[in-house]
Amino acid sequence: MTQLAVVLLAIAIAIALVVVVAILAAAAAAVLARPDGAGYPSALTRAGAAFAATLMLAAALTTLFAS
């Protein structure tokens, strides 16, 4: 396995891990919104915001450590 293949595999695994963590954060936000009295549309909105915020945080940390 060449060095380029190893780097690309590591990047793919890191991206997959970030997406899984973002999905888990979104699911947790949606589940926690329901007992709070939020309807399904509001819970999905909160889940979407949590998903986007998690991806944005990962992008910011990547930018910070890449430079």
Protein backbone atom coordinates (compact mmCIF):
# COMPACT_ATOMS: atom_id res chain seq x y z
CA MET A 1 0.00 0.00 0.00
CA THR A 2 1.46 3.32 -1.01
CA GLN A 3 1.71 6.33 1.24
CA LEU A 4 -0.95 8.15 -0.79
CA ALA A 5 -3.40 5.30 -0.33
CA VAL A 6 -2.82 5.31 3.42
CA VAL A 7 -3.42 9.06 3.63
CA LEU A 8 -6.60 8.82 1.55
CA LEU A 9 -7.85 5.94 3.69
CA ALA A 10 -7.18 7.93 6.87
CA ILE A 11 -9.05 10.92 5.45
CA ALA A 12 -12.01 8.74 4.45
CA ILE A 13 -12.16 7.17 7.92
CA ALA A 14 -11.98 10.60 9.58
CA ILE A 15 -14.80 11.93 7.40
CA ALA A 16 -16.94 8.89 8.16
CA LEU A 17 -16.30 9.30 11.87
CA VAL A 18 -17.28 12.98 11.78
CA VAL A 19 -20.49 12.20 9.90
CA VAL A 20 -21.41 9.44 12.38
CA VAL A 21 -20.81 11.78 15.33
CA ALA A 22 -22.91 14.48 13.63
CA ILE A 23 -25.76 12.02 13.07
CA LEU A 24 -25.60 10.91 16.71
CA ALA A 25 -25.68 14.54 17.87
CA ALA A 26 -28.68 15.22 15.65
CA ALA A 27 -30.49 12.15 16.92
CA ALA A 28 -29.80 13.13 20.51
CA ALA A 29 -31.07 16.65 19.89
CA ALA A 30 -34.28 15.34 18.32
CA VAL A 31 -34.88 12.83 21.11
CA LEU A 32 -34.24 15.42 23.82
CA ALA A 33 -36.51 17.95 22.10
CA ARG A 34 -39.56 15.71 22.25
CA PRO A 35 -39.92 15.53 26.07
CA ASP A 36 -39.41 19.29 26.11
CA GLY A 37 -42.79 19.59 24.40
CA ALA A 38 -41.54 20.30 20.89
CA GLY A 39 -43.51 18.96 17.96
CA TYR A 40 -41.96 16.80 15.27
CA PRO A 41 -41.17 19.71 12.92
CA SER A 42 -39.47 21.61 15.73
CA ALA A 43 -37.55 18.51 16.82
CA LEU A 44 -36.34 17.96 13.25
CA THR A 45 -35.29 21.60 13.04
CA ARG A 46 -33.26 21.22 16.23
CA ALA A 47 -31.75 18.00 14.88
CA GLY A 48 -30.77 19.73 11.66
CA ALA A 49 -29.19 22.59 13.56
CA ALA A 50 -27.23 20.17 15.73
CA PHE A 51 -26.06 18.23 12.66
CA ALA A 52 -24.93 21.40 10.90
CA ALA A 53 -23.23 22.74 14.01
CA THR A 54 -21.30 19.51 14.50
CA LEU A 55 -20.08 19.52 10.92
CA MET A 56 -19.16 23.20 11.20
CA LEU A 57 -17.19 22.55 14.37
CA ALA A 58 -15.32 19.69 12.68
CA ALA A 59 -14.51 21.92 9.70
CA ALA A 60 -13.29 24.71 11.99
CA LEU A 61 -11.06 22.33 13.93
CA THR A 62 -9.69 20.89 10.69
CA THR A 63 -8.88 24.37 9.45
CA LEU A 64 -7.27 25.29 12.75
CA PHE A 65 -5.01 22.25 12.90
CA ALA A 66 -4.24 22.15 9.16
CA SER A 67 -2.66 25.58 9.11
